Amino acid sequence: MNADVVSGLKGAYRGFTFSVLFSVTGLVLELVVFAVWGSIILLTDIVHWAVDTVFEVFALVAVYYAIRVRKSFPWGVLVLESAVMLLSITIALGIYVVSFANYLVIEYSASSITTVNSLPAVGTAIGGVFTLLAFLVQKRNYERYGLEVLKVDYVHALLDLVASAVSTLGIAVVAYTHSANLEILFVFILMMFIVHSLVEVLKDVAKTVTGANVDHGLSMKLYKKLVEECHDVVVNDVAARKIGSFYVVEAKIGVKPSTRISTVHRIRKKVVKIIQAESQLIYHVDVKIYPLFPKSRKKAKH
């Protein structure tokens, strides 16, 4: 793999590590504030934090595996972790749906509010600071390494910064006006951010779990390119799988049993170079080389 790509992946991994730390810290902070002061607006923002934390963890794990360029990409492990993340999101949303239904039946139906003071805004404001730090770190990393996965993350952080501002403003406005209608309005606005994050996470996780993340068009294109440029080998199969904003490609190449080990290494390097030249979004390439044994002939019956 190109040294610049490897360096970029390592930089992306460090960046996502900071993003995860910022996200987890913000989530814990808001949970503490919610336990003390409550507010359905704050609870909605917490759910948004939870979904985004899952998104960050998923990206961190995927980039970590992509860094291991000399090892096969462990799809089985990633599928298991994706299933766990999917279960975590389901539990978080289940708890929120019950809480929101309870809010509608008790507080909103009685025209009362849960945001009785502006103190919860302190939690959302500090959370916004963590989001801003994540945005600055990932934007700087993107400018340095140019990897698309970093751009996706810092753009997402920018949207989260807007959501944090909406939460802070909503808590302050409702605490000042004591309006139940304004409270539920801000809750619905924040729900749109949850839906946006949820769609991103579920799309990647569901495709990974079901195996639907294979890009058949790119796979076929790479297959034809390898057949055209690689001689004296058999291109058995090429599969390009997309994770978030980048691709992991697996190529199965057959060679003659008499092929030297040094030649096998040259074939591997050539295959990796051909595949990565096709797209800057291909960050990891697995080349599996196996010997081609002639089929045994059936003995003629006498």
Protein backbone atom coordinates (compact mmCIF):
# COMPACT_ATOMS: atom_id res chain seq x y z
CA MET A 1 0.00 0.00 0.00
CA ASN A 2 1.11 3.54 -0.74
CA ALA A 3 3.04 4.99 2.23
CA ASP A 4 0.98 8.20 2.07
CA VAL A 5 -2.24 6.19 2.38
CA VAL A 6 -0.90 4.28 5.37
CA SER A 7 0.21 7.51 7.01
CA GLY A 8 -3.19 9.04 6.29
CA LEU A 9 -5.01 6.06 7.80
CA LYS A 10 -2.93 6.30 10.95
CA GLY A 11 -3.70 10.01 11.14
CA ALA A 12 -7.39 9.26 10.61
CA TYR A 13 -7.27 6.69 13.39
CA ARG A 14 -5.79 9.23 15.81
CA GLY A 15 -8.42 11.75 14.74
CA PHE A 16 -11.29 9.32 15.30
CA THR A 17 -9.81 8.40 18.67
CA PHE A 18 -10.15 12.04 19.73
CA SER A 19 -13.66 12.21 18.23
CA VAL A 20 -14.75 9.17 20.22
CA LEU A 21 -13.26 10.59 23.43
CA PHE A 22 -14.98 13.94 22.88
CA SER A 23 -18.26 12.21 22.06
CA VAL A 24 -18.19 9.90 25.08
CA THR A 25 -17.23 12.79 27.39
CA GLY A 26 -20.07 14.95 26.07
CA LEU A 27 -22.54 12.08 26.41
CA VAL A 28 -21.55 11.36 30.03
CA LEU A 29 -21.67 15.06 30.88
CA GLU A 30 -25.19 15.48 29.52
CA LEU A 31 -26.35 12.31 31.30
CA VAL A 32 -25.13 13.77 34.61
CA VAL A 33 -26.85 17.10 33.90
CA PHE A 34 -30.06 15.29 32.94
CA ALA A 35 -29.99 13.26 36.16
CA VAL A 36 -29.83 16.50 38.14
CA TRP A 37 -32.18 18.82 36.22
CA GLY A 38 -34.06 16.76 33.63
CA SER A 39 -35.64 18.32 30.48
CA ILE A 40 -37.07 16.47 27.48
CA ILE A 41 -35.00 18.73 25.22
CA LEU A 42 -31.83 17.59 26.96
CA LEU A 43 -32.94 13.95 26.79
CA THR A 44 -33.47 14.28 23.04
CA ASP A 45 -30.00 15.74 22.67
CA ILE A 46 -28.61 12.84 24.72
CA VAL A 47 -30.14 10.34 22.29
CA HIS A 48 -28.52 12.27 19.45
CA TRP A 49 -25.18 12.06 21.31
CA ALA A 50 -25.64 8.31 21.80
CA VAL A 51 -26.29 7.66 18.10
CA ASP A 52 -23.33 9.83 17.10
CA THR A 53 -21.08 8.03 19.57
CA VAL A 54 -22.00 4.73 17.91
CA PHE A 55 -21.18 6.34 14.54
CA GLU A 56 -17.76 7.46 15.78
CA VAL A 57 -16.95 4.08 17.33
CA PHE A 58 -17.96 2.27 14.12
CA ALA A 59 -15.72 4.54 12.04
CA LEU A 60 -12.83 4.16 14.51
CA VAL A 61 -13.02 0.36 14.40
CA ALA A 62 -13.24 0.29 10.59
CA VAL A 63 -10.22 2.59 10.18
CA TYR A 64 -8.26 0.54 12.72
CA TYR A 65 -8.77 -2.62 10.66
CA ALA A 66 -7.92 -0.76 7.45
CA ILE A 67 -4.54 0.25 8.94
CA ARG A 68 -3.53 -3.41 9.26
CA VAL A 69 -2.46 -3.51 5.62
CA ARG A 70 -0.51 -6.74 5.93
CA LYS A 71 -3.44 -8.60 7.47
CA SER A 72 -6.79 -9.64 6.10
CA PHE A 73 -9.71 -7.38 6.91
CA PRO A 74 -11.66 -9.24 9.68
CA TRP A 75 -15.18 -8.97 8.31
CA GLY A 76 -16.55 -11.49 10.79
CA VAL A 77 -15.37 -9.41 13.75
CA LEU A 78 -16.70 -6.21 12.18
CA VAL A 79 -20.09 -7.84 11.56
CA LEU A 80 -20.27 -8.92 15.22
CA GLU A 81 -19.36 -5.44 16.44
CA SER A 82 -21.90 -3.92 14.04
CA ALA A 83 -24.62 -6.17 15.47
CA VAL A 84 -23.70 -5.04 19.00
CA MET A 85 -23.85 -1.40 17.92
CA LEU A 86 -27.22 -1.98 16.26
CA LEU A 87 -28.52 -3.52 19.49
CA SER A 88 -27.19 -0.54 21.50
CA ILE A 89 -28.99 1.93 19.23
CA THR A 90 -32.21 -0.07 19.47
CA ILE A 91 -32.07 -0.05 23.28
CA ALA A 92 -31.32 3.69 23.41
CA LEU A 93 -34.18 4.50 21.04
CA GLY A 94 -36.52 2.20 22.94
CA ILE A 95 -35.82 4.01 26.21
CA TYR A 96 -36.29 7.38 24.53
CA VAL A 97 -39.59 6.40 22.85
CA VAL A 98 -41.01 5.32 26.22
CA SER A 99 -39.80 8.54 27.87
CA PHE A 100 -41.19 10.70 25.05
CA ALA A 101 -44.56 8.92 25.14
CA ASN A 102 -44.67 9.48 28.90
CA TYR A 103 -43.88 13.17 28.33
CA LEU A 104 -46.74 13.55 25.85
CA VAL A 105 -49.25 11.82 28.13
CA ILE A 106 -48.30 13.60 31.35
CA GLU A 107 -46.49 16.91 30.80
CA TYR A 108 -47.54 18.11 27.36
CA SER A 109 -51.19 17.08 27.71
CA ALA A 110 -51.30 19.14 30.90
CA SER A 111 -49.52 22.08 29.18
CA SER A 112 -46.64 21.80 31.65
CA ILE A 113 -42.93 21.80 30.85
CA THR A 114 -39.93 19.71 31.87
CA THR A 115 -37.41 22.49 31.22
CA VAL A 116 -38.08 24.53 34.34
CA ASN A 117 -34.74 26.39 34.38
CA SER A 118 -31.85 27.19 32.06
CA LEU A 119 -29.18 25.23 33.95
CA PRO A 120 -29.34 22.19 31.59
CA ALA A 121 -28.14 24.58 28.87
CA VAL A 122 -24.75 24.54 30.60
CA GLY A 123 -24.44 20.84 29.73
CA THR A 124 -25.44 21.29 26.09
CA ALA A 125 -23.15 24.32 25.74
CA ILE A 126 -20.13 22.43 27.08
CA GLY A 127 -21.11 19.53 24.83
CA GLY A 128 -21.03 21.98 21.96
CA VAL A 129 -17.45 22.87 22.89
CA PHE A 130 -16.46 19.18 22.64
CA THR A 131 -18.18 18.97 19.27
CA LEU A 132 -16.30 22.05 18.09
CA LEU A 133 -13.01 20.45 19.16
CA ALA A 134 -13.88 17.29 17.20
CA PHE A 135 -14.73 19.42 14.17
CA LEU A 136 -11.42 21.31 14.34
CA VAL A 137 -9.35 18.15 14.83
CA GLN A 138 -10.94 16.26 11.93
CA LYS A 139 -10.93 19.28 9.60
CA ARG A 140 -7.22 19.76 10.26
CA ASN A 141 -6.61 16.06 9.67
CA TYR A 142 -8.53 16.18 6.39
CA GLU A 143 -6.48 19.16 5.19
CA ARG A 144 -3.32 17.25 6.11
CA TYR A 145 -4.16 13.74 4.86
CA GLY A 146 -6.95 14.33 2.33
CA LEU A 147 -8.88 11.15 3.21
CA GLU A 148 -12.59 11.29 2.41
CA VAL A 149 -13.53 9.52 5.64
CA LEU A 150 -12.16 12.50 7.60
CA LYS A 151 -14.20 14.97 5.56
CA VAL A 152 -17.37 13.00 6.23
CA ASP A 153 -16.66 13.11 9.95
CA TYR A 154 -15.91 16.82 10.23
CA VAL A 155 -18.99 17.72 8.16
CA HIS A 156 -21.03 15.51 10.48
CA ALA A 157 -19.45 17.29 13.48
CA LEU A 158 -20.48 20.62 11.98
CA LEU A 159 -24.11 19.46 11.86
CA ASP A 160 -23.79 18.25 15.45
CA LEU A 161 -22.54 21.70 16.41
CA VAL A 162 -25.74 23.18 14.99
CA ALA A 163 -27.77 20.60 16.94
CA SER A 164 -25.94 21.57 20.14
CA ALA A 165 -26.73 25.23 19.52
CA VAL A 166 -30.40 24.39 18.93
CA SER A 167 -30.50 22.41 22.20
CA THR A 168 -28.91 25.22 24.18
CA LEU A 169 -31.19 27.83 22.64
CA GLY A 170 -34.27 25.66 23.16
CA ILE A 171 -33.56 25.11 26.85
CA ALA A 172 -32.94 28.82 27.42
CA VAL A 173 -36.07 29.90 25.50
CA VAL A 174 -38.40 27.38 27.16
CA ALA A 175 -37.00 28.13 30.63
CA TYR A 176 -37.72 31.82 30.01
CA THR A 177 -41.16 31.52 28.34
CA HIS A 178 -42.45 28.38 30.14
CA SER A 179 -44.17 27.44 26.87
CA ALA A 180 -45.04 23.77 26.39
CA ASN A 181 -45.56 24.36 22.64
CA LEU A 182 -42.06 25.79 22.23
CA GLU A 183 -40.62 22.90 24.20
CA ILE A 184 -42.15 20.28 21.94
CA LEU A 185 -41.18 22.36 18.87
CA PHE A 186 -37.51 22.23 19.85
CA VAL A 187 -37.85 18.52 20.61
CA PHE A 188 -39.14 17.85 17.09
CA ILE A 189 -36.34 19.95 15.57
CA LEU A 190 -33.76 17.89 17.45
CA MET A 191 -35.48 14.71 16.32
CA MET A 192 -34.58 15.64 12.76
CA PHE A 193 -30.91 15.57 13.74
CA ILE A 194 -31.44 12.16 15.36
CA VAL A 195 -33.07 10.84 12.18
CA HIS A 196 -30.16 12.14 10.08
CA SER A 197 -27.54 10.48 12.30
CA LEU A 198 -29.62 7.33 12.63
CA VAL A 199 -29.93 6.91 8.88
CA GLU A 200 -26.14 7.21 8.47
CA VAL A 201 -25.39 4.65 11.18
CA LEU A 202 -28.11 2.15 10.27
CA LYS A 203 -27.21 2.30 6.58
CA ASP A 204 -23.56 1.36 7.21
CA VAL A 205 -24.25 -1.13 9.99
CA ALA A 206 -27.10 -2.89 8.18
CA LYS A 207 -25.08 -3.23 4.97
CA THR A 208 -22.13 -4.62 6.89
CA VAL A 209 -24.24 -7.14 8.80
CA THR A 210 -26.16 -8.31 5.70
CA GLY A 211 -23.20 -8.22 3.31
CA ALA A 212 -25.00 -5.73 1.06
CA ASN A 213 -22.01 -3.37 1.10
CA VAL A 214 -20.45 -4.96 -1.99
CA ASP A 215 -20.14 -2.51 -4.88
CA HIS A 216 -20.71 -4.86 -7.83
CA GLY A 217 -19.92 -2.20 -10.44
CA LEU A 218 -16.52 -1.37 -8.94
CA SER A 219 -15.81 -5.06 -8.29
CA MET A 220 -16.38 -5.94 -11.95
CA LYS A 221 -14.33 -2.96 -13.13
CA LEU A 222 -11.40 -4.02 -10.96
CA TYR A 223 -11.76 -7.64 -12.09
CA LYS A 224 -11.54 -6.70 -15.77
CA LYS A 225 -8.59 -4.40 -15.11
CA LEU A 226 -6.66 -7.15 -13.31
CA VAL A 227 -7.40 -9.65 -16.10
CA GLU A 228 -6.08 -7.19 -18.68
CA GLU A 229 -2.92 -6.19 -16.81
CA CYS A 230 -1.93 -9.34 -14.92
CA HIS A 231 -0.64 -12.17 -17.09
CA ASP A 232 0.30 -15.75 -16.18
CA VAL A 233 -2.14 -15.62 -13.25
CA VAL A 234 -5.81 -16.44 -12.81
CA VAL A 235 -8.02 -13.71 -11.38
CA ASN A 236 -10.59 -15.75 -9.50
CA ASP A 237 -12.68 -13.09 -7.78
CA VAL A 238 -12.63 -9.41 -6.80
CA ALA A 239 -14.98 -7.94 -4.19
CA ALA A 240 -15.06 -4.22 -3.33
CA ARG A 241 -16.93 -3.53 -0.09
CA LYS A 242 -17.80 -0.05 1.07
CA ILE A 243 -17.60 1.02 4.71
CA GLY A 244 -18.86 4.54 5.24
CA SER A 245 -16.87 6.63 2.78
CA PHE A 246 -14.09 4.19 1.88
CA TYR A 247 -13.61 0.81 0.22
CA VAL A 248 -11.94 -2.42 1.24
CA VAL A 249 -11.11 -4.71 -1.70
CA GLU A 250 -10.40 -8.43 -1.64
CA ALA A 251 -8.78 -10.09 -4.68
CA LYS A 252 -8.23 -13.84 -5.11
CA ILE A 253 -5.37 -14.66 -7.47
CA GLY A 254 -4.29 -18.11 -8.65
CA VAL A 255 -0.66 -18.82 -9.64
CA LYS A 256 1.28 -21.84 -10.84
CA PRO A 257 2.59 -24.08 -8.02
CA SER A 258 6.14 -23.54 -9.32
CA THR A 259 5.93 -19.77 -8.84
CA ARG A 260 8.70 -18.45 -6.59
CA ILE A 261 7.91 -16.67 -3.35
CA SER A 262 9.69 -13.53 -4.57
CA THR A 263 7.47 -13.57 -7.68
CA VAL A 264 4.38 -14.00 -5.51
CA HIS A 265 5.34 -10.87 -3.57
CA ARG A 266 5.81 -8.93 -6.81
CA ILE A 267 2.41 -10.11 -8.04
CA ARG A 268 0.81 -9.01 -4.78
CA LYS A 269 2.38 -5.54 -4.97
CA LYS A 270 1.30 -5.19 -8.59
CA VAL A 271 -2.29 -6.21 -7.80
CA VAL A 272 -2.46 -3.74 -4.90
CA LYS A 273 -1.05 -0.95 -7.08
CA ILE A 274 -3.54 -1.62 -9.91
CA ILE A 275 -6.51 -1.70 -7.54
CA GLN A 276 -5.58 1.43 -5.60
CA ALA A 277 -4.92 3.34 -8.82
CA GLU A 278 -8.60 2.95 -9.65
CA SER A 279 -9.92 5.07 -6.76
CA GLN A 280 -8.56 7.22 -3.93
CA LEU A 281 -11.35 5.81 -1.74
CA ILE A 282 -9.76 2.33 -1.71
CA TYR A 283 -7.84 2.34 1.56
CA HIS A 284 -7.27 -1.39 2.13
CA VAL A 285 -6.56 -4.26 -0.26
CA ASP A 286 -6.47 -7.95 0.65
CA VAL A 287 -4.70 -10.13 -1.95
CA LYS A 288 -5.15 -13.83 -1.42
CA ILE A 289 -2.81 -15.88 -3.63
CA TYR A 290 -3.25 -19.63 -3.95
CA PRO A 291 -1.58 -22.33 -6.11
CA LEU A 292 -3.35 -23.65 -9.20
CA PHE A 293 -3.23 -27.44 -9.15
CA PRO A 294 -4.24 -29.26 -12.36
CA LYS A 295 -7.42 -31.23 -12.11
CA SER A 296 -6.80 -34.94 -11.75
CA ARG A 297 -7.79 -36.87 -14.82
CA LYS A 298 -10.16 -39.70 -14.43
CA LYS A 299 -8.71 -43.03 -15.31
CA ALA A 300 -10.33 -44.70 -18.27
CA LYS A 301 -12.40 -47.73 -17.44
CA HIS A 302 -11.27 -50.96 -19.05
